[in-house]
Amino acid sequence: MKSNPTEADLPIAELRKASKHFGGVVAADDLDLTIRRGEFLSFLGPSGCGKTTALRMLAGFETPSHGDVLLDGKRVNDLPPHRRPVNMVFQHYALFPHLTVADNIAYGLRQLRPKLPAADIAKAVDHTLETVRLPGFGKRRIWEMSGGQQQRVALARAIINQPKLLLLDEPMAALDKKLRRDMQIELQSLQRSLGITFVLVTHDQEEALSMSDRICIMRSGRIVQVGSPRDLYDRPKNRYVADFVGKSNFFSGTVDSVSSTTCRISTATGQMFSGISTQSLTAGQAATASLRPEQISLTRQSGHGVKVRIVALIFLGEHTEYLVRHDTLGDFLVLVPRQSEASEGRFDLGADAYATWADGAALILADD
């Protein structure tokens, strides 16, 4: 006889056919998602796609118009935020400027009933400050802290109650690029050390790719695809996902032939692209070839690939990004590693070159 599942066996949270309507506007539509215990999951999509609404339903700030929200296997649609084992870090941190760092962090503990001894609260605050690498900052005022330090204070306030689920609503949007990268690494380390499930909302694909165990891609209130960063990058479900996760070049055409392992399409000008497809395609169907910039090489040797002209270039240190123009394929991106430039030499603006890629390198996607 199969025993009843323990809490450790259950997902930490679930959305089951969850929808949220604001009048005639459908902000979230029929969301089905299982969030695994201890994972780092990101909602990724453009503004207005429904990712923050999904987060707020998990937090309890929004009640589903239809469907259910579950935490630890229990339906919590009507459970208010303060009764859920969930904490949230907001985009602008929502810290109390009139309180010290220590008082901000201790705020949640002081609301518990029965009250905790002051010495226990002070000990917990000191330990949490150590965890977020702010030891000795307890007496500081919020306005004396940098943006990155304020974010750590917001994190400390959120984790001191030891929530089972920590929700982050674009917490790094206000940080500069270098600090944002540093905080991404710190967040990953913090999540691993605490073992708390993190759910992040972001529109920054690089942030989602670098931090997440899984990413939930959203569009127009619906979930398009859920998978690991590598799965989404290598096997996007459609052009929308391929375009949103990393950079890609797209070439529209018609399916020419399909085999068990490859699919070939031809453009209107007769250029052929071959590759694998994650969908069932048939000859004559409209389709798009997705070719990542790093899959294309540039050479000066005539007769190799297609002839292009360099129309723009951006030097990015470890590689150079070239925008090249072909007479019929139009403009597309090529990413050339620095070691490749060492052998071929640097391509100048306006110079002719030949773009090549391996047969079968493209991913063939149905138009939708």
Protein backbone atom coordinates (compact mmCIF):
# COMPACT_ATOMS: atom_id res chain seq x y z
CA MET A 1 0.00 0.00 0.00
CA LYS A 2 1.32 3.42 -0.96
CA SER A 3 1.86 5.69 2.04
CA ASN A 4 0.63 9.27 2.14
CA PRO A 5 3.18 11.75 0.79
CA THR A 6 5.18 13.68 3.37
CA GLU A 7 5.68 17.46 3.21
CA ALA A 8 9.14 16.87 1.68
CA ASP A 9 7.51 14.94 -1.17
CA LEU A 10 5.11 17.77 -2.05
CA PRO A 11 5.96 20.77 -4.26
CA ILE A 12 6.35 23.95 -2.23
CA ALA A 13 3.72 25.77 -4.31
CA GLU A 14 1.33 25.27 -7.22
CA LEU A 15 -0.85 27.32 -9.50
CA ARG A 16 -3.76 25.24 -10.79
CA LYS A 17 -5.76 26.78 -13.63
CA ALA A 18 -5.22 30.12 -11.85
CA SER A 19 -6.59 33.21 -13.59
CA LYS A 20 -6.87 36.83 -12.50
CA HIS A 21 -9.19 39.36 -14.11
CA PHE A 22 -9.25 43.09 -13.44
CA GLY A 23 -12.57 44.11 -14.93
CA GLY A 24 -12.33 43.19 -18.59
CA VAL A 25 -8.54 42.79 -18.47
CA VAL A 26 -7.15 39.25 -18.12
CA ALA A 27 -3.85 39.69 -16.28
CA ALA A 28 -3.22 35.97 -15.75
CA ASP A 29 -4.94 33.27 -17.77
CA ASP A 30 -5.26 29.61 -16.76
CA LEU A 31 -1.81 29.26 -15.18
CA ASP A 32 -0.62 25.74 -14.38
CA LEU A 33 2.73 25.65 -12.61
CA THR A 34 4.45 23.46 -10.02
CA ILE A 35 7.24 25.08 -8.00
CA ARG A 36 9.72 22.57 -6.62
CA ARG A 37 10.98 22.66 -3.07
CA GLY A 38 14.38 24.36 -2.83
CA GLU A 39 14.61 25.53 -6.44
CA PHE A 40 15.34 28.98 -7.89
CA LEU A 41 12.57 29.70 -10.40
CA SER A 42 12.16 32.87 -12.46
CA PHE A 43 9.14 34.33 -14.21
CA LEU A 44 10.48 35.99 -17.38
CA GLY A 45 8.62 38.13 -19.87
CA PRO A 46 7.96 41.69 -21.06
CA SER A 47 6.01 44.26 -19.06
CA GLY A 48 2.32 43.39 -18.81
CA CYS A 49 2.79 39.65 -19.48
CA GLY A 50 1.31 38.58 -16.13
CA LYS A 51 4.45 37.58 -14.23
CA THR A 52 3.95 40.01 -11.32
CA THR A 53 0.28 39.03 -11.07
CA ALA A 54 1.35 35.38 -10.74
CA LEU A 55 3.80 36.37 -8.00
CA ARG A 56 1.16 38.39 -6.14
CA MET A 57 -1.27 35.45 -6.23
CA LEU A 58 1.41 33.29 -4.60
CA ALA A 59 2.00 35.99 -1.98
CA GLY A 60 -1.70 36.47 -1.26
CA PHE A 61 -1.89 40.08 -2.42
CA GLU A 62 -4.21 38.99 -5.24
CA THR A 63 -6.93 36.35 -5.07
CA PRO A 64 -7.46 34.24 -8.22
CA SER A 65 -10.65 35.00 -10.14
CA HIS A 66 -10.64 31.30 -11.07
CA GLY A 67 -8.49 28.33 -10.12
CA ASP A 68 -6.37 27.69 -7.05
CA VAL A 69 -3.10 28.55 -5.31
CA LEU A 70 -1.56 25.78 -3.19
CA LEU A 71 1.23 25.94 -0.62
CA ASP A 72 2.54 22.66 0.76
CA GLY A 73 -0.35 20.91 -0.95
CA LYS A 74 -3.02 23.03 0.76
CA ARG A 75 -5.38 25.46 -1.00
CA VAL A 76 -4.65 28.99 0.26
CA ASN A 77 -6.84 31.18 -1.99
CA ASP A 78 -8.48 32.83 1.03
CA LEU A 79 -5.44 32.88 3.31
CA PRO A 80 -4.11 36.45 3.83
CA PRO A 81 -0.43 37.24 3.15
CA HIS A 82 0.60 37.37 6.82
CA ARG A 83 -0.75 33.85 7.38
CA ARG A 84 1.29 32.31 4.55
CA PRO A 85 4.86 30.93 4.96
CA VAL A 86 5.91 33.42 2.29
CA ASN A 87 7.86 36.68 2.26
CA MET A 88 8.34 39.15 -0.57
CA VAL A 89 11.11 41.55 -1.58
CA PHE A 90 9.68 44.44 -3.57
CA GLN A 91 11.31 46.28 -6.47
CA HIS A 92 11.86 49.43 -4.39
CA TYR A 93 12.55 47.45 -1.19
CA ALA A 94 9.77 49.19 0.87
CA LEU A 95 12.15 49.80 3.80
CA PHE A 96 11.16 52.12 6.67
CA PRO A 97 13.41 55.20 6.36
CA HIS A 98 12.82 56.31 9.98
CA LEU A 99 14.06 53.00 11.39
CA THR A 100 17.60 51.70 11.72
CA VAL A 101 18.80 48.73 9.70
CA ALA A 102 18.36 46.46 12.73
CA ASP A 103 14.83 47.72 13.39
CA ASN A 104 13.88 47.21 9.75
CA ILE A 105 15.11 43.63 9.84
CA ALA A 106 13.48 42.90 13.19
CA TYR A 107 10.09 44.33 12.21
CA GLY A 108 8.52 41.00 11.24
CA LEU A 109 9.77 39.19 14.33
CA ARG A 110 8.28 41.88 16.55
CA GLN A 111 4.83 41.26 15.09
CA LEU A 112 4.80 37.61 16.19
CA ARG A 113 2.52 36.52 19.00
CA PRO A 114 3.40 35.47 21.61
CA LYS A 115 6.21 38.02 21.64
CA LEU A 116 9.79 36.88 21.35
CA PRO A 117 12.33 38.00 23.98
CA ALA A 118 14.29 41.08 22.91
CA ALA A 119 17.57 39.20 23.31
CA ASP A 120 16.40 36.47 20.91
CA ILE A 121 15.37 39.09 18.33
CA ALA A 122 18.73 40.89 18.61
CA LYS A 123 20.58 37.59 18.17
CA ALA A 124 18.50 36.70 15.10
CA VAL A 125 19.13 40.15 13.58
CA ASP A 126 22.91 39.85 14.10
CA HIS A 127 22.93 36.38 12.54
CA THR A 128 20.89 37.57 9.54
CA LEU A 129 23.19 40.56 9.02
CA GLU A 130 26.09 38.10 8.90
CA THR A 131 24.20 36.00 6.36
CA VAL A 132 23.73 38.95 3.97
CA ARG A 133 27.31 40.18 4.58
CA LEU A 134 26.38 43.31 6.54
CA PRO A 135 27.85 42.61 9.98
CA GLY A 136 27.99 45.66 12.23
CA PHE A 137 25.51 47.69 10.12
CA GLY A 138 22.58 47.35 12.53
CA LYS A 139 22.70 50.92 13.83
CA ARG A 140 22.91 52.53 10.40
CA ARG A 141 20.01 54.50 8.95
CA ILE A 142 18.53 53.37 5.65
CA TRP A 143 19.43 56.63 3.92
CA GLU A 144 23.08 56.00 4.85
CA MET A 145 23.15 52.77 2.83
CA SER A 146 23.98 52.30 -0.86
CA GLY A 147 21.47 50.73 -3.25
CA GLY A 148 23.15 47.33 -3.01
CA GLN A 149 23.25 47.52 0.79
CA GLN A 150 19.57 48.49 0.92
CA GLN A 151 18.76 45.44 -1.19
CA ARG A 152 20.58 43.24 1.30
CA VAL A 153 18.63 44.82 4.16
CA ALA A 154 15.38 44.05 2.32
CA LEU A 155 16.56 40.46 1.85
CA ALA A 156 17.53 40.18 5.50
CA ARG A 157 14.09 41.42 6.58
CA ALA A 158 12.49 38.85 4.28
CA ILE A 159 14.52 35.83 5.39
CA ILE A 160 14.70 36.43 9.15
CA ASN A 161 11.29 34.77 9.60
CA GLN A 162 12.63 31.74 7.71
CA PRO A 163 9.88 31.61 5.07
CA LYS A 164 9.44 28.50 2.97
CA LEU A 165 9.02 30.62 -0.15
CA LEU A 166 10.77 33.91 -0.93
CA LEU A 167 9.30 36.03 -3.72
CA LEU A 168 11.42 38.69 -5.43
CA ASP A 169 9.74 41.31 -7.63
CA GLU A 170 12.51 42.73 -9.87
CA PRO A 171 14.68 43.55 -6.82
CA MET A 172 17.74 44.50 -8.89
CA ALA A 173 16.06 46.82 -11.41
CA ALA A 174 17.47 49.97 -9.78
CA LEU A 175 21.08 48.73 -9.55
CA ASP A 176 23.85 49.51 -12.03
CA LYS A 177 25.11 46.68 -14.22
CA LYS A 178 28.22 45.73 -12.21
CA LEU A 179 26.41 45.83 -8.88
CA ARG A 180 23.51 43.89 -10.36
CA ARG A 181 25.92 41.16 -11.46
CA ASP A 182 27.51 41.04 -8.01
CA MET A 183 24.09 40.79 -6.37
CA GLN A 184 23.04 37.99 -8.74
CA ILE A 185 25.98 35.92 -7.50
CA GLU A 186 25.18 36.77 -3.87
CA LEU A 187 21.53 35.84 -4.30
CA GLN A 188 22.46 32.47 -5.76
CA SER A 189 24.86 31.78 -2.88
CA LEU A 190 22.29 32.90 -0.34
CA GLN A 191 19.58 30.69 -1.84
CA ARG A 192 21.85 27.64 -1.77
CA SER A 193 23.00 28.25 1.81
CA LEU A 194 19.47 28.84 3.15
CA GLY A 195 17.72 26.13 1.15
CA ILE A 196 14.70 28.42 0.72
CA THR A 197 12.72 28.31 -2.53
CA PHE A 198 13.27 31.57 -4.44
CA VAL A 199 10.82 32.84 -7.07
CA LEU A 200 12.06 35.83 -9.06
CA VAL A 201 10.14 38.12 -11.42
CA THR A 202 12.31 39.79 -14.05
CA HIS A 203 12.25 41.11 -17.61
CA ASP A 204 16.05 40.75 -17.83
CA GLN A 205 16.85 37.55 -19.73
CA GLU A 206 20.51 37.56 -18.69
CA GLU A 207 19.45 37.74 -15.05
CA ALA A 208 17.04 34.83 -15.44
CA LEU A 209 19.51 32.70 -17.41
CA SER A 210 22.37 33.20 -14.97
CA MET A 211 20.45 32.61 -11.73
CA SER A 212 17.63 30.15 -12.31
CA ASP A 213 17.23 26.41 -12.02
CA ARG A 214 14.10 26.81 -14.17
CA ILE A 215 12.52 29.70 -16.05
CA CYS A 216 8.81 30.24 -16.73
CA ILE A 217 8.38 32.27 -19.94
CA MET A 218 5.15 34.28 -20.06
CA ARG A 219 3.27 36.18 -22.76
CA SER A 220 -0.11 37.93 -22.65
CA GLY A 221 -1.01 36.44 -19.27
CA ARG A 222 -0.19 32.84 -20.22
CA ILE A 223 2.71 30.48 -19.65
CA VAL A 224 4.47 29.75 -22.94
CA GLN A 225 7.23 27.38 -21.82
CA VAL A 226 8.89 26.22 -18.59
CA GLY A 227 12.35 24.67 -18.51
CA SER A 228 15.98 24.97 -17.47
CA PRO A 229 17.96 27.86 -18.97
CA ARG A 230 19.83 25.43 -21.24
CA ASP A 231 16.61 23.74 -22.42
CA LEU A 232 14.98 27.04 -23.26
CA TYR A 233 18.07 28.29 -25.08
CA ASP A 234 18.71 25.09 -27.04
CA ARG A 235 15.10 23.90 -27.50
CA PRO A 236 12.75 26.89 -27.53
CA LYS A 237 9.13 25.99 -28.20
CA ASN A 238 8.59 28.79 -30.70
CA ARG A 239 10.06 31.98 -32.10
CA TYR A 240 8.86 34.05 -29.14
CA VAL A 241 10.89 31.97 -26.68
CA ALA A 242 13.94 31.84 -28.98
CA ASP A 243 13.80 35.63 -29.34
CA PHE A 244 13.34 36.24 -25.61
CA VAL A 245 16.02 33.86 -24.35
CA GLY A 246 19.33 35.01 -25.76
CA LYS A 247 19.95 36.52 -29.19
CA SER A 248 19.01 34.79 -32.41
CA ASN A 249 18.79 35.43 -36.13
CA PHE A 250 15.51 34.50 -37.80
CA PHE A 251 15.05 33.56 -41.45
CA SER A 252 11.51 32.94 -42.68
CA GLY A 253 10.75 30.34 -45.30
CA THR A 254 8.80 27.22 -46.21
CA VAL A 255 9.45 23.65 -45.11
CA ASP A 256 11.17 21.86 -47.98
CA SER A 257 11.62 18.40 -46.46
CA VAL A 258 11.31 16.59 -43.15
CA SER A 259 13.14 13.45 -41.98
CA SER A 260 13.37 11.65 -38.67
CA THR A 261 16.36 13.75 -37.62
CA THR A 262 16.32 16.99 -39.61
CA CYS A 263 14.06 19.55 -41.21
CA ARG A 264 15.00 21.78 -44.15
CA ILE A 265 13.42 25.06 -45.13
CA SER A 266 14.04 27.34 -48.08
CA THR A 267 13.66 31.11 -48.09
CA ALA A 268 11.87 33.03 -50.84
CA THR A 269 15.26 33.57 -52.52
CA GLY A 270 16.23 29.89 -52.36
CA GLN A 271 18.64 29.94 -49.40
CA MET A 272 18.45 26.60 -47.57
CA PHE A 273 18.59 26.11 -43.79
CA SER A 274 18.57 22.74 -42.07
CA GLY A 275 18.32 21.72 -38.45
CA ILE A 276 16.20 19.99 -35.88
CA SER A 277 12.66 20.91 -34.98
CA THR A 278 10.92 20.49 -31.62
CA GLN A 279 7.54 20.55 -33.40
CA SER A 280 5.76 18.41 -35.96
CA LEU A 281 6.22 20.13 -39.31
CA THR A 282 5.12 19.16 -42.83
CA ALA A 283 6.40 20.04 -46.29
CA GLY A 284 4.98 23.32 -47.61
CA GLN A 285 4.33 24.73 -44.13
CA ALA A 286 5.55 28.23 -43.24
CA ALA A 287 8.44 28.05 -40.78
CA THR A 288 11.39 30.03 -39.43
CA ALA A 289 15.05 29.06 -39.05
CA SER A 290 16.59 30.27 -35.79
CA LEU A 291 20.38 30.59 -35.94
CA ARG A 292 22.28 31.83 -32.89
CA PRO A 293 25.02 34.46 -33.56
CA GLU A 294 27.72 32.25 -31.99
CA GLN A 295 26.91 29.47 -34.49
CA ILE A 296 28.05 31.66 -37.40
CA SER A 297 31.69 32.23 -38.37
CA LEU A 298 33.27 34.93 -40.50
CA THR A 299 36.10 34.31 -42.95
CA ARG A 300 37.87 36.15 -45.73
CA GLN A 301 38.12 33.03 -47.88
CA SER A 302 35.87 33.38 -50.92
CA GLY A 303 33.62 30.50 -51.82
CA HIS A 304 32.86 29.70 -48.20
CA GLY A 305 29.29 30.41 -47.07
CA VAL A 306 27.46 33.56 -48.14
CA LYS A 307 29.05 36.88 -48.99
CA VAL A 308 28.21 39.67 -46.53
CA ARG A 309 29.32 43.20 -45.69
CA ILE A 310 30.14 44.44 -42.17
CA VAL A 311 27.65 47.23 -41.39
CA ALA A 312 28.25 47.60 -37.62
CA LEU A 313 30.45 46.14 -34.92
CA ILE A 314 30.62 46.25 -31.14
CA PHE A 315 33.79 45.21 -29.29
CA LEU A 316 32.79 43.46 -26.03
CA GLY A 317 36.17 42.29 -24.75
CA GLU A 318 35.96 38.51 -24.96
CA HIS A 319 34.15 38.70 -28.30
CA THR A 320 33.07 41.10 -31.02
CA GLU A 321 29.48 41.34 -32.20
CA TYR A 322 29.20 42.05 -35.94
CA LEU A 323 26.06 43.12 -37.77
CA VAL A 324 26.42 41.89 -41.34
CA ARG A 325 24.27 42.43 -44.43
CA HIS A 326 23.45 39.92 -47.14
CA ASP A 327 21.78 40.92 -50.41
CA THR A 328 18.76 38.66 -49.90
CA LEU A 329 18.89 37.43 -46.29
CA GLY A 330 19.12 40.96 -44.93
CA ASP A 331 20.93 41.93 -41.73
CA PHE A 332 21.96 39.38 -39.10
CA LEU A 333 24.29 39.14 -36.11
CA VAL A 334 27.56 37.20 -35.89
CA LEU A 335 29.43 36.72 -32.61
CA VAL A 336 33.17 36.20 -33.11
CA PRO A 337 35.29 35.09 -30.11
CA ARG A 338 38.55 36.92 -29.57
CA GLN A 339 40.63 33.81 -30.29
CA SER A 340 38.96 33.50 -33.71
CA GLU A 341 39.82 37.11 -34.48
CA ALA A 342 43.43 36.34 -33.60
CA SER A 343 43.61 33.87 -36.50
CA GLU A 344 41.34 35.61 -39.03
CA GLY A 345 42.14 39.17 -38.04
CA ARG A 346 39.69 41.93 -37.18
CA PHE A 347 36.99 42.78 -39.71
CA ASP A 348 36.64 46.49 -40.41
CA LEU A 349 33.44 48.41 -40.91
CA GLY A 350 32.38 48.23 -44.56
CA ALA A 351 34.61 45.25 -45.33
CA ASP A 352 33.42 42.20 -47.25
CA ALA A 353 33.45 38.78 -45.59
CA TYR A 354 31.90 35.33 -45.88
CA ALA A 355 29.50 34.02 -43.23
CA THR A 356 29.44 30.25 -42.69
CA TRP A 357 27.60 27.88 -40.39
CA ALA A 358 27.43 24.13 -40.01
CA ASP A 359 24.77 22.24 -41.90
CA GLY A 360 22.04 21.40 -39.40
CA ALA A 361 22.99 24.20 -36.99
CA ALA A 362 19.63 25.96 -37.22
CA LEU A 363 16.56 25.27 -35.14
CA ILE A 364 13.44 25.10 -37.31
CA LEU A 365 10.38 26.64 -35.67
CA ALA A 366 6.75 26.75 -36.73
CA ASP A 367 5.42 30.27 -37.30
CA ASP A 368 2.99 31.18 -34.49
